[in-house]
Structures are given as C-alpha cells and as structure tokens.
C-alpha cells in the first residue's frame, strides 16, 4: 500500500487496516480537475483494485464542494485539441470500465455538489451516503453535450428508464431526499455527518469476509456490465458533441451569467 503519495497530487490516498481512503484534495478550487487531475481519476480505481492489501475503498472530498467537475479551461482545451479529446475519451472510458469491473466494496460520502467524473465515481459506488443539503444533477445536456460520463449506466439502473430520462434529457436537479427515494443514493444524513457515516460502512466492508463480499458484488455488477455497450456509445457521442460549437457558447453564457441553452420550468 505504499507509493500513492508519489503517484497522486490531486488525490490524497491513505490506506490502513484494509481500507483505502481517497480524498479529492483541492478544496481551494472546488476540487475541479484539469488534464493531470483527470488522469489521476482514471487511474485510481485500477491501482486500488490491484492492491492486495485493500479490501474496501472510501471516497470523500475536502471542502464544501465534492467536485465541480472539469474546469471550464479544461473543457475548452478539449474543444480545441483533438489529441487531448482522444486522450480524455480513453481516460474516462478506462475509469468507468474499472468501476464496473471493481469487485471491492466502494463507499462514497457526497458532502457537496458533484459533477463530471467525480459524480461518476459517486453514483457507481456500492454505498452512497449523501448529506441532506446536496442536490444532484446530470448537466451535460445543458452544456450541449451527450451525457457520456456515467449516466446511462447508473441512473436507469437506480431509478428505472422512464425516471432517468426525465432527468438526463432535461438536466434538472433533484434533492438528496428525492435521490434517495428514487434509489440513486443509499442514505441521506444531516449536513456535516456524511464522512462519519460513510466510514462506518467502509470499515464494516474492510472487516467483512473478503471472498464472500467480493463474489457477491461481482455477481451484482453483471447488471451494469450488460449496459457497457450503451455507455460506450454515449461516451463517444459526448466526445463528438464537443466539436459542435454549442458547448463553447454554453460555457460563455454560464460565465457571463446569461440564460442557458435550455429553458427550465417547474422542478429544478
């Protein structure tokens, strides 16, 4: 379990008694990520899966925002640079496939807003503990992008196809309590209590019979593995939609405080 400090900068990784605790650790910029940080997100699950001393994984975030996702500058660089787009395509694909193939229990404490690849890790976990003030949103369509990070895997599996379409096609948000009622998260707790509660689950998994837990999870993951073809299609569509010019305009409007690309009505 050594060597993580040298391998990671965006992520802080600590391992003890079979539990790996991964912290998104740039709170000063709301845990947004640029290209090197994105590379770390795509590597961490594979590294921990291969670590024979790790029996369970807990993901948490420093600061009040879990992760604001990709920095606007990073997204613009993907629009302009085909080599970087191809690299991002492979990194995100590897991250999601690694999550789906992971047989070790993964627990996530969502203690603030979560977007992009960080939201993928959160909603493809085995136990998702969300604090009550958190709202969930899959905002890709609001930026003119196909929802390719994780959504066609996690959301329909949790809440059913028709409910998932309602959120993924509109980009509307839902509260933590609504997310729990729809099956998107495991448990909702009071503000400030997410990490403590998530750690209880993670420590239980780390102390549980390893083979029994991992075999059970591996069988359950078949549900997601059967959806990987749809996921690969959505990710390819997202990368392609970056080149349409719509995302650049959406980012400009967002930063200028102007109305977005899609009108919103009713539930936000």
Protein backbone atom coordinates (compact mmCIF):
# COMPACT_ATOMS: atom_id res chain seq x y z
CA UNK A 1 0.00 0.00 0.00
CA UNK A 2 2.98 2.32 -0.44
CA UNK A 3 3.75 4.74 -3.22
CA UNK A 4 0.42 6.55 -3.50
CA UNK A 5 1.79 9.88 -2.26
CA UNK A 6 4.32 9.91 -5.10
CA UNK A 7 1.79 8.81 -7.72
CA UNK A 8 -1.01 11.27 -6.94
CA UNK A 9 -1.23 15.03 -6.42
CA UNK A 10 -4.93 15.88 -6.91
CA UNK A 11 -5.94 12.86 -4.83
CA UNK A 12 -4.79 12.08 -1.31
CA UNK A 13 -4.70 8.32 -0.76
CA UNK A 14 -4.26 6.75 2.68
CA UNK A 15 -4.51 3.04 3.49
CA UNK A 16 -4.87 1.38 6.86
CA UNK A 17 -6.34 -1.90 8.11
CA UNK A 18 -7.56 -2.88 4.65
CA UNK A 19 -9.34 0.42 3.98
CA UNK A 20 -8.17 2.87 1.32
CA UNK A 21 -9.43 6.42 1.87
CA UNK A 22 -9.30 8.56 -1.27
CA UNK A 23 -9.79 12.31 -0.77
CA UNK A 24 -10.37 14.81 -3.56
CA UNK A 25 -7.97 17.38 -2.19
CA UNK A 26 -8.10 20.72 -3.98
CA UNK A 27 -10.85 22.48 -2.00
CA UNK A 28 -9.47 25.91 -2.90
CA UNK A 29 -10.75 25.35 -6.45
CA UNK A 30 -13.82 23.30 -5.51
CA UNK A 31 -11.98 20.10 -6.47
CA UNK A 32 -12.26 20.89 -10.16
CA UNK A 33 -9.85 18.98 -12.33
CA UNK A 34 -7.56 19.76 -15.22
CA UNK A 35 -5.94 17.20 -17.50
CA UNK A 36 -3.39 15.79 -14.98
CA UNK A 37 -6.09 15.55 -12.31
CA UNK A 38 -8.41 13.82 -14.75
CA UNK A 39 -5.67 11.28 -15.42
CA UNK A 40 -5.49 10.57 -11.69
CA UNK A 41 -9.24 10.00 -11.56
CA UNK A 42 -8.94 7.45 -14.35
CA UNK A 43 -6.05 5.58 -12.64
CA UNK A 44 -7.04 5.39 -9.00
CA UNK A 45 -9.66 2.63 -9.17
CA UNK A 46 -7.39 0.35 -11.18
CA UNK A 47 -4.49 0.94 -8.79
CA UNK A 48 -6.59 0.13 -5.73
CA UNK A 49 -8.16 -2.89 -7.43
CA UNK A 50 -4.68 -4.30 -7.94
CA UNK A 51 -3.56 -3.60 -4.35
CA UNK A 52 -3.89 -6.89 -2.47
CA UNK A 53 -3.90 -5.10 0.89
CA UNK A 54 -7.00 -3.06 0.06
CA UNK A 55 -10.32 -4.71 0.96
CA UNK A 56 -12.61 -1.66 0.76
CA UNK A 57 -12.47 1.89 -0.60
CA UNK A 58 -13.91 5.13 0.77
CA UNK A 59 -14.04 8.24 -1.44
CA UNK A 60 -14.58 11.64 0.16
CA UNK A 61 -13.77 15.28 -0.59
CA UNK A 62 -12.06 18.10 1.22
CA UNK A 63 -14.06 21.31 1.49
CA UNK A 64 -17.74 22.11 0.99
CA UNK A 65 -17.88 21.03 -2.69
CA UNK A 66 -17.40 17.36 -3.56
CA UNK A 67 -16.24 18.30 -7.07
CA UNK A 68 -17.31 20.91 -9.59
CA UNK A 69 -16.08 18.57 -12.34
CA UNK A 70 -13.88 19.62 -15.22
CA UNK A 71 -12.62 23.20 -15.10
CA UNK A 72 -14.02 25.37 -17.91
CA UNK A 73 -10.48 25.89 -19.19
CA UNK A 74 -10.01 22.15 -19.42
CA UNK A 75 -13.30 21.69 -21.28
CA UNK A 76 -12.32 24.43 -23.75
CA UNK A 77 -9.00 22.72 -24.34
CA UNK A 78 -10.88 19.54 -25.29
CA UNK A 79 -12.93 21.50 -27.80
CA UNK A 80 -9.79 22.88 -29.44
CA UNK A 81 -7.41 19.91 -29.28
CA UNK A 82 -8.30 16.59 -30.99
CA UNK A 83 -5.34 14.80 -29.41
CA UNK A 84 -6.45 15.85 -25.95
CA UNK A 85 -10.04 14.80 -26.76
CA UNK A 86 -8.85 11.35 -27.76
CA UNK A 87 -6.83 11.06 -24.56
CA UNK A 88 -9.79 12.15 -22.43
CA UNK A 89 -12.03 9.67 -24.25
CA UNK A 90 -9.73 6.80 -23.30
CA UNK A 91 -9.21 8.01 -19.72
CA UNK A 92 -12.94 8.33 -18.99
CA UNK A 93 -13.69 5.00 -20.64
CA UNK A 94 -10.99 3.31 -18.54
CA UNK A 95 -12.33 4.93 -15.36
CA UNK A 96 -15.91 3.77 -15.89
CA UNK A 97 -14.97 0.26 -17.03
CA UNK A 98 -12.69 -0.01 -13.97
CA UNK A 99 -15.55 0.98 -11.69
CA UNK A 100 -17.86 -1.57 -13.26
CA UNK A 101 -15.29 -4.36 -13.02
CA UNK A 102 -14.21 -3.48 -9.46
CA UNK A 103 -15.13 -6.27 -7.04
CA UNK A 104 -14.00 -4.46 -3.88
CA UNK A 105 -16.70 -2.53 -1.98
CA UNK A 106 -16.71 1.18 -2.77
CA UNK A 107 -18.35 3.71 -0.43
CA UNK A 108 -18.70 7.41 -1.25
CA UNK A 109 -19.56 10.35 1.02
CA UNK A 110 -21.19 13.07 -1.09
CA UNK A 111 -20.86 16.16 1.09
CA UNK A 112 -21.37 18.84 -1.55
CA UNK A 113 -22.11 19.44 -5.21
CA UNK A 114 -20.72 16.75 -7.52
CA UNK A 115 -20.26 16.96 -11.29
CA UNK A 116 -18.43 15.19 -14.10
CA UNK A 117 -16.09 12.29 -13.41
CA UNK A 118 -16.47 12.76 -9.66
CA UNK A 119 -20.22 12.26 -9.96
CA UNK A 120 -19.49 9.07 -11.89
CA UNK A 121 -17.45 7.67 -9.00
CA UNK A 122 -20.14 8.71 -6.54
CA UNK A 123 -23.11 7.17 -8.33
CA UNK A 124 -21.36 3.96 -9.40
CA UNK A 125 -20.41 3.18 -5.80
CA UNK A 126 -21.92 0.38 -3.72
CA UNK A 127 -22.98 2.64 -0.86
CA UNK A 128 -23.67 6.33 -1.50
CA UNK A 129 -24.11 8.49 1.61
CA UNK A 130 -25.35 11.98 0.77
CA UNK A 131 -25.74 14.94 3.06
CA UNK A 132 -29.19 16.50 3.03
CA UNK A 133 -28.14 19.84 1.53
CA UNK A 134 -26.71 18.20 -1.60
CA UNK A 135 -28.53 18.41 -4.92
CA UNK A 136 -27.83 16.01 -7.78
CA UNK A 137 -27.77 16.99 -11.45
CA UNK A 138 -26.52 15.41 -14.65
CA UNK A 139 -25.86 18.69 -16.52
CA UNK A 140 -24.35 17.50 -19.81
CA UNK A 141 -27.33 18.46 -21.98
CA UNK A 142 -27.27 21.96 -20.50
CA UNK A 143 -23.75 22.32 -21.97
CA UNK A 144 -24.72 20.92 -25.34
CA UNK A 145 -23.10 17.56 -24.60
CA UNK A 146 -24.36 14.00 -24.73
CA UNK A 147 -24.49 12.53 -21.22
CA UNK A 148 -21.44 10.30 -21.51
CA UNK A 149 -19.64 10.25 -18.15
CA UNK A 150 -21.68 7.55 -16.43
CA UNK A 151 -25.34 8.44 -16.65
CA UNK A 152 -26.72 5.75 -18.95
CA UNK A 153 -25.24 3.18 -16.57
CA UNK A 154 -26.07 4.49 -13.12
CA UNK A 155 -29.31 6.43 -13.42
CA UNK A 156 -31.57 3.88 -15.23
CA UNK A 157 -30.18 1.06 -13.07
CA UNK A 158 -31.11 3.01 -9.94
CA UNK A 159 -34.46 4.58 -10.80
CA UNK A 160 -35.74 2.91 -13.95
CA UNK A 161 -35.59 4.08 -17.54
CA UNK A 162 -38.53 6.49 -17.63
CA UNK A 163 -37.46 8.38 -14.49
CA UNK A 164 -33.85 8.50 -15.70
CA UNK A 165 -34.96 10.04 -19.00
CA UNK A 166 -36.80 12.75 -17.09
CA UNK A 167 -33.53 13.96 -15.51
CA UNK A 168 -30.93 13.10 -18.14
CA UNK A 169 -32.81 14.75 -21.02
CA UNK A 170 -33.54 17.96 -19.08
CA UNK A 171 -30.53 18.45 -16.82
CA UNK A 172 -32.89 19.21 -13.94
CA UNK A 173 -31.61 18.68 -10.42
CA UNK A 174 -33.06 16.69 -7.56
CA UNK A 175 -32.59 16.93 -3.83
CA UNK A 176 -30.77 14.33 -1.76
CA UNK A 177 -34.08 13.16 -0.31
CA UNK A 178 -35.55 12.78 -3.80
CA UNK A 179 -32.42 10.93 -4.92
CA UNK A 180 -32.82 8.51 -2.01
CA UNK A 181 -36.49 7.91 -2.75
CA UNK A 182 -35.63 7.12 -6.39
CA UNK A 183 -32.79 4.76 -5.44
CA UNK A 184 -29.92 6.94 -6.64
CA UNK A 185 -28.31 7.11 -3.19
CA UNK A 186 -28.25 4.72 -0.25
CA UNK A 187 -28.79 7.02 2.70
CA UNK A 188 -29.26 10.72 3.45
CA UNK A 189 -27.75 12.21 6.60
CA UNK A 190 -27.53 15.62 8.19
CA UNK A 191 -25.07 18.20 6.91
CA UNK A 192 -21.62 17.50 8.32
CA UNK A 193 -22.32 13.84 9.07
CA UNK A 194 -21.61 12.28 5.65
CA UNK A 195 -17.99 11.25 6.07
CA UNK A 196 -18.54 9.77 9.52
CA UNK A 197 -21.49 7.70 8.34
CA UNK A 198 -19.79 6.58 5.14
CA UNK A 199 -16.72 5.50 7.08
CA UNK A 200 -18.85 3.20 9.24
CA UNK A 201 -19.95 1.34 6.10
CA UNK A 202 -16.42 1.27 4.69
CA UNK A 203 -14.88 -0.10 7.87
CA UNK A 204 -17.56 -2.80 8.04
CA UNK A 205 -16.69 -3.88 4.49
CA UNK A 206 -12.95 -3.84 5.23
CA UNK A 207 -13.52 -6.16 8.20
CA UNK A 208 -16.02 -8.47 6.43
CA UNK A 209 -15.21 -11.86 4.86
CA UNK A 210 -13.32 -10.79 1.75
CA UNK A 211 -14.23 -13.59 -0.64
CA UNK A 212 -17.94 -13.54 0.21
CA UNK A 213 -18.30 -9.78 -0.20
CA UNK A 214 -16.30 -9.59 -3.42
CA UNK A 215 -18.04 -12.56 -5.03
CA UNK A 216 -21.45 -11.12 -4.20
CA UNK A 217 -20.53 -7.72 -5.60
CA UNK A 218 -19.05 -9.25 -8.74
CA UNK A 219 -22.34 -11.05 -9.42
CA UNK A 220 -24.37 -7.89 -8.82
CA UNK A 221 -22.16 -5.91 -11.21
CA UNK A 222 -23.36 -8.07 -14.11
CA UNK A 223 -26.36 -5.71 -14.27
CA UNK A 224 -24.00 -2.84 -15.12
CA UNK A 225 -21.63 -4.84 -17.29
CA UNK A 226 -24.55 -5.64 -19.61
CA UNK A 227 -25.03 -1.89 -20.13
CA UNK A 228 -21.45 -1.10 -21.13
CA UNK A 229 -22.21 -1.06 -24.86
CA UNK A 230 -24.77 1.70 -24.26
CA UNK A 231 -22.24 3.54 -22.10
CA UNK A 232 -19.51 3.33 -24.76
CA UNK A 233 -21.96 4.75 -27.30
CA UNK A 234 -22.87 7.65 -25.00
CA UNK A 235 -19.23 8.48 -24.29
CA UNK A 236 -18.36 8.53 -27.97
CA UNK A 237 -21.34 10.82 -28.57
CA UNK A 238 -20.15 13.15 -25.80
CA UNK A 239 -16.67 13.45 -27.30
CA UNK A 240 -18.17 14.11 -30.72
CA UNK A 241 -20.59 16.71 -29.37
CA UNK A 242 -17.65 18.71 -28.01
CA UNK A 243 -16.84 19.68 -31.60
CA UNK A 244 -20.26 21.14 -32.43
CA UNK A 245 -19.53 24.64 -31.13
CA UNK A 246 -22.54 24.55 -28.83
CA UNK A 247 -20.52 23.81 -25.69
CA UNK A 248 -18.30 26.85 -26.22
CA UNK A 249 -21.40 29.06 -26.34
CA UNK A 250 -22.89 27.34 -23.29
CA UNK A 251 -19.72 27.98 -21.28
CA UNK A 252 -19.68 31.62 -22.39
CA UNK A 253 -23.28 32.09 -21.25
CA UNK A 254 -22.60 30.36 -17.94
CA UNK A 255 -19.62 32.53 -17.11
CA UNK A 256 -21.44 35.69 -18.24
CA UNK A 257 -24.45 34.89 -16.08
CA UNK A 258 -26.71 34.73 -19.14
CA UNK A 259 -29.62 32.28 -19.63
CA UNK A 260 -28.51 28.80 -20.59
CA UNK A 261 -29.20 26.81 -23.72
CA UNK A 262 -32.37 25.16 -22.41
CA UNK A 263 -35.35 26.77 -20.74
CA UNK A 264 -36.30 25.34 -17.37
CA UNK A 265 -39.75 25.00 -15.93
CA UNK A 266 -41.20 23.53 -12.78
CA UNK A 267 -38.85 21.22 -10.88
CA UNK A 268 -35.27 22.49 -10.71
